[in-house]
Protein backbone atom coordinates (compact mmCIF):
# COMPACT_ATOMS: atom_id res chain seq x y z
CA UNK A 1 0.06 0.44 0.18
CA UNK A 2 1.12 3.78 -0.94
CA UNK A 3 1.96 6.02 2.45
CA UNK A 4 -1.54 7.80 1.92
CA UNK A 5 -3.55 4.90 2.15
CA UNK A 6 -2.01 3.26 5.16
CA UNK A 7 -4.66 2.45 7.46
CA UNK A 8 -7.18 3.01 5.29
CA UNK A 9 -7.90 -0.05 3.01
CA UNK A 10 -7.16 -3.53 4.41
CA UNK A 11 -3.56 -4.63 3.26
CA UNK A 12 -2.54 -7.83 1.84
CA UNK A 13 -1.31 -10.30 3.90
CA UNK A 14 1.85 -11.61 3.41
CA UNK A 15 1.78 -15.21 4.17
CA UNK A 16 3.88 -16.58 7.15
CA UNK A 17 6.01 -19.34 5.09
CA UNK A 18 6.65 -16.89 2.19
CA UNK A 19 9.62 -15.17 5.00
CA UNK A 20 11.94 -16.38 7.29
CA UNK A 21 12.71 -13.46 8.56
CA UNK A 22 11.42 -10.44 9.98
CA UNK A 23 10.68 -7.79 7.59
CA UNK A 24 11.48 -4.52 9.36
CA UNK A 25 14.55 -5.83 11.41
CA UNK A 26 15.42 -8.69 9.67
CA UNK A 27 16.18 -10.85 12.94
CA UNK A 28 15.43 -14.88 11.34
CA UNK A 29 12.56 -16.28 13.64
CA UNK A 30 12.65 -19.17 15.53
CA UNK A 31 10.01 -21.13 17.40
CA UNK A 32 10.31 -19.50 21.13
CA UNK A 33 12.03 -16.05 20.75
CA UNK A 34 10.83 -14.72 17.39
CA UNK A 35 6.86 -15.56 16.48
CA UNK A 36 5.85 -14.19 13.78
CA UNK A 37 2.83 -11.44 13.80
CA UNK A 38 1.67 -9.50 11.22
CA UNK A 39 1.12 -5.66 10.81
CA UNK A 40 -2.55 -4.60 10.70
CA UNK A 41 -1.76 -1.39 8.53
CA UNK A 42 0.71 -2.74 5.76
CA UNK A 43 0.52 -6.77 6.00
CA UNK A 44 3.92 -7.11 6.50
CA UNK A 45 5.27 -10.36 8.57
CA UNK A 46 6.93 -8.62 11.30
CA UNK A 47 8.25 -10.19 15.04
CA UNK A 48 6.99 -9.41 18.41
CA UNK A 49 9.47 -6.28 18.75
CA UNK A 50 8.94 -4.21 15.79
CA UNK A 51 4.80 -5.00 16.03
CA UNK A 52 4.62 -3.38 19.44
CA UNK A 53 3.39 -0.13 18.18
CA UNK A 54 -0.65 0.37 17.82
CA UNK A 55 -2.66 3.28 15.76
CA UNK A 56 -5.70 4.17 15.05
CA UNK A 57 -7.08 2.23 11.56
CA UNK A 58 -9.79 3.47 9.36
CA UNK A 59 -10.52 0.08 7.71
CA UNK A 60 -11.21 -1.11 11.27
CA UNK A 61 -13.67 1.76 12.26
CA UNK A 62 -10.52 3.40 13.59
CA UNK A 63 -10.00 1.22 16.33
CA UNK A 64 -6.66 0.75 17.69
CA UNK A 65 -4.57 -2.20 16.12
CA UNK A 66 -1.10 -3.75 16.18
CA UNK A 67 1.04 -2.04 13.26
CA UNK A 68 4.74 -2.11 12.81
CA UNK A 69 7.24 0.71 13.77
CA UNK A 70 7.47 2.04 10.01
CA UNK A 71 3.67 2.23 9.57
CA UNK A 72 3.25 3.93 12.87
CA UNK A 73 5.27 6.89 12.31
CA UNK A 74 3.66 7.41 8.73
CA UNK A 75 0.07 6.83 10.26
CA UNK A 76 0.91 9.40 13.43
CA UNK A 77 2.80 11.82 10.71
CA UNK A 78 6.06 11.69 11.88
CA UNK A 79 9.37 10.58 9.88
CA UNK A 80 12.11 8.52 11.09
CA UNK A 81 15.17 9.96 9.68
CA UNK A 82 16.98 6.69 10.61
CA UNK A 83 15.39 4.73 7.98
CA UNK A 84 16.91 6.49 5.33
CA UNK A 85 20.29 5.41 5.80
CA UNK A 86 21.18 3.50 2.94
CA UNK A 87 20.93 0.33 2.53
CA UNK A 88 23.50 -2.53 2.12
CA UNK A 89 23.90 -4.70 -0.98
CA UNK A 90 22.35 -7.61 1.02
CA UNK A 91 19.15 -5.48 2.13
CA UNK A 92 17.33 -5.62 -1.17
CA UNK A 93 14.18 -6.98 -0.86
CA UNK A 94 13.46 -9.99 -2.60
CA UNK A 95 9.96 -8.75 -3.99
CA UNK A 96 11.59 -5.47 -5.48
CA UNK A 97 14.78 -7.36 -7.38
CA UNK A 98 11.80 -10.19 -8.15
CA UNK A 99 9.18 -8.21 -9.62
CA UNK A 100 12.29 -6.85 -12.20
CA UNK A 101 14.34 -9.88 -12.68
CA UNK A 102 15.66 -11.51 -15.73
CA UNK A 103 14.82 -14.76 -14.17
CA UNK A 104 13.61 -15.28 -10.51
CA UNK A 105 12.64 -19.55 -9.22
CA UNK A 106 13.42 -21.82 -6.43
CA UNK A 107 16.58 -23.53 -6.90
CA UNK A 108 18.53 -25.87 -4.52
CA UNK A 109 22.02 -24.40 -3.32
CA UNK A 110 25.26 -25.97 -2.30
CA UNK A 111 28.39 -24.75 -0.93
CA UNK A 112 31.53 -26.40 -0.45
CA UNK A 113 30.56 -30.04 1.61
CA UNK A 114 27.42 -28.51 3.22
CA UNK A 115 24.02 -30.02 2.59
CA UNK A 116 21.50 -28.95 -0.01
CA UNK A 117 18.86 -26.25 0.72
CA UNK A 118 16.17 -24.45 -1.16
CA UNK A 119 16.72 -20.95 -1.56
CA UNK A 120 14.83 -18.38 -3.85
CA UNK A 121 17.58 -17.19 -6.28
CA UNK A 122 17.17 -13.95 -8.29
CA UNK A 123 19.13 -12.14 -11.36
CA UNK A 124 17.87 -8.88 -11.02
CA UNK A 125 17.52 -6.48 -14.11
CA UNK A 126 19.45 -3.60 -12.80
CA UNK A 127 22.18 -6.31 -11.92
CA UNK A 128 22.11 -8.51 -14.30
CA UNK A 129 25.83 -9.72 -13.50
CA UNK A 130 24.59 -10.86 -9.82
CA UNK A 131 22.80 -13.74 -8.61
CA UNK A 132 20.78 -12.99 -5.36
CA UNK A 133 19.79 -15.92 -2.59
CA UNK A 134 17.15 -15.30 -0.70
CA UNK A 135 15.61 -17.78 1.96
CA UNK A 136 11.89 -16.83 1.06
CA UNK A 137 10.45 -15.05 -1.88
CA UNK A 138 9.42 -12.66 -0.03
CA UNK A 139 12.51 -11.95 2.61
CA UNK A 140 13.64 -7.96 3.09
CA UNK A 141 17.55 -9.27 2.69
CA UNK A 142 19.32 -11.41 0.80
CA UNK A 143 21.73 -14.60 2.40
CA UNK A 144 24.17 -14.25 -0.04
CA UNK A 145 25.23 -12.32 -3.61
CA UNK A 146 27.49 -14.24 -5.80
CA UNK A 147 29.02 -11.40 -8.55
CA UNK A 148 28.89 -13.85 -11.80
CA UNK A 149 31.80 -12.62 -14.13
CA UNK A 150 34.84 -14.77 -14.38
CA UNK A 151 32.69 -17.95 -12.87
CA UNK A 152 33.13 -21.51 -15.02
CA UNK A 153 30.09 -23.21 -15.45
CA UNK A 154 29.95 -26.70 -15.33
CA UNK A 155 26.61 -27.94 -16.03
CA UNK A 156 27.03 -32.15 -16.15
CA UNK A 157 25.53 -33.38 -13.17
CA UNK A 158 27.67 -35.04 -10.38
CA UNK A 159 24.74 -36.87 -8.61
CA UNK A 160 21.96 -39.35 -9.82
CA UNK A 161 19.39 -37.71 -6.67
CA UNK A 162 19.68 -34.09 -8.72
CA UNK A 163 19.66 -34.72 -12.05
CA UNK A 164 18.90 -31.17 -13.20
CA UNK A 165 22.35 -29.19 -11.27
CA UNK A 166 24.95 -26.95 -12.43
CA UNK A 167 27.98 -25.92 -11.14
CA UNK A 168 29.92 -22.56 -10.37
CA UNK A 169 33.41 -22.13 -9.81
CA UNK A 170 35.81 -19.82 -9.69
CA UNK A 171 39.71 -20.52 -8.15
CA UNK A 172 38.69 -22.08 -4.49
CA UNK A 173 34.95 -20.93 -4.95
CA UNK A 174 32.46 -23.52 -5.65
CA UNK A 175 28.57 -23.08 -5.73
CA UNK A 176 26.54 -25.71 -6.59
CA UNK A 177 22.68 -25.24 -7.99
CA UNK A 178 19.73 -27.81 -8.57
CA UNK A 179 16.97 -27.35 -10.36
CA UNK A 180 13.59 -28.84 -10.10
CA UNK A 181 13.36 -29.76 -14.40
CA UNK A 182 15.87 -29.51 -17.38
CA UNK A 183 13.88 -26.97 -18.65
CA UNK A 184 14.26 -24.31 -15.56
CA UNK A 185 18.05 -25.31 -15.36
CA UNK A 186 18.38 -24.40 -19.41
CA UNK A 187 16.96 -20.73 -18.24
CA UNK A 188 19.26 -20.16 -15.74
CA UNK A 189 22.25 -21.64 -17.98
CA UNK A 190 21.09 -19.36 -20.46
CA UNK A 191 21.64 -16.36 -18.76
CA UNK A 192 24.16 -17.61 -16.55
CA UNK A 193 26.76 -18.40 -19.70
CA UNK A 194 25.93 -14.62 -20.43
CA UNK A 195 26.65 -12.87 -17.18
CA UNK A 196 30.35 -14.86 -16.68
CA UNK A 197 31.50 -13.46 -19.99
CA UNK A 198 29.74 -10.02 -18.17
CA UNK A 199 27.17 -9.92 -20.75
CA UNK A 200 23.41 -9.02 -20.32
CA UNK A 201 20.83 -10.77 -22.28
CA UNK A 202 18.84 -8.95 -24.50
CA UNK A 203 15.48 -10.80 -24.75
CA UNK A 204 15.39 -10.90 -21.06
CA UNK A 205 11.11 -11.54 -21.61
CA UNK A 206 11.88 -15.06 -22.70
CA UNK A 207 13.66 -15.48 -19.67
CA UNK A 208 11.37 -14.85 -16.98
CA UNK A 209 11.00 -18.14 -14.29
CA UNK A 210 7.73 -18.69 -13.15
């Protein structure tokens, strides 16, 4: 919702399973100390610390509702200059880059000898040479970024369990990925093969992940 509409219209609630961390302070959720709460003004999923504010919301008959810190400041009309601090490279919201990406989808990811894990992977249009990895599609901070330029691509799968896998290597760093199917793997490889050479895809629309 736009700032002007906060509290006037009911927000779209982000589902609990779409995030792995508080959408405001970026602390990971866990079962005990950080439970998920919804801001009644913007619909974001936040931790208890970040939802410890109350404001009168017009769409709910001006009743007092739990809201996040940001919405609280907007609704009561005070701006927080802290919020204007420049975001670090990892603090680009997933929804923001996914909506304007060359390609995005879930991929299985493995680094060194750690176990495979599912990651929401995005190559944004404005940075078509960088791969962003998030825990979930609505997370507000990336877990990692890989600048693709100069990597070598190896697309021969090493394991029968993950037939649609490929690997990116550069000196000592090795990143392994696996797609759910061959078509998705080929879409990713098409973009990555260009990125490692410093090129960006011309026909971006064809490459949108679903």
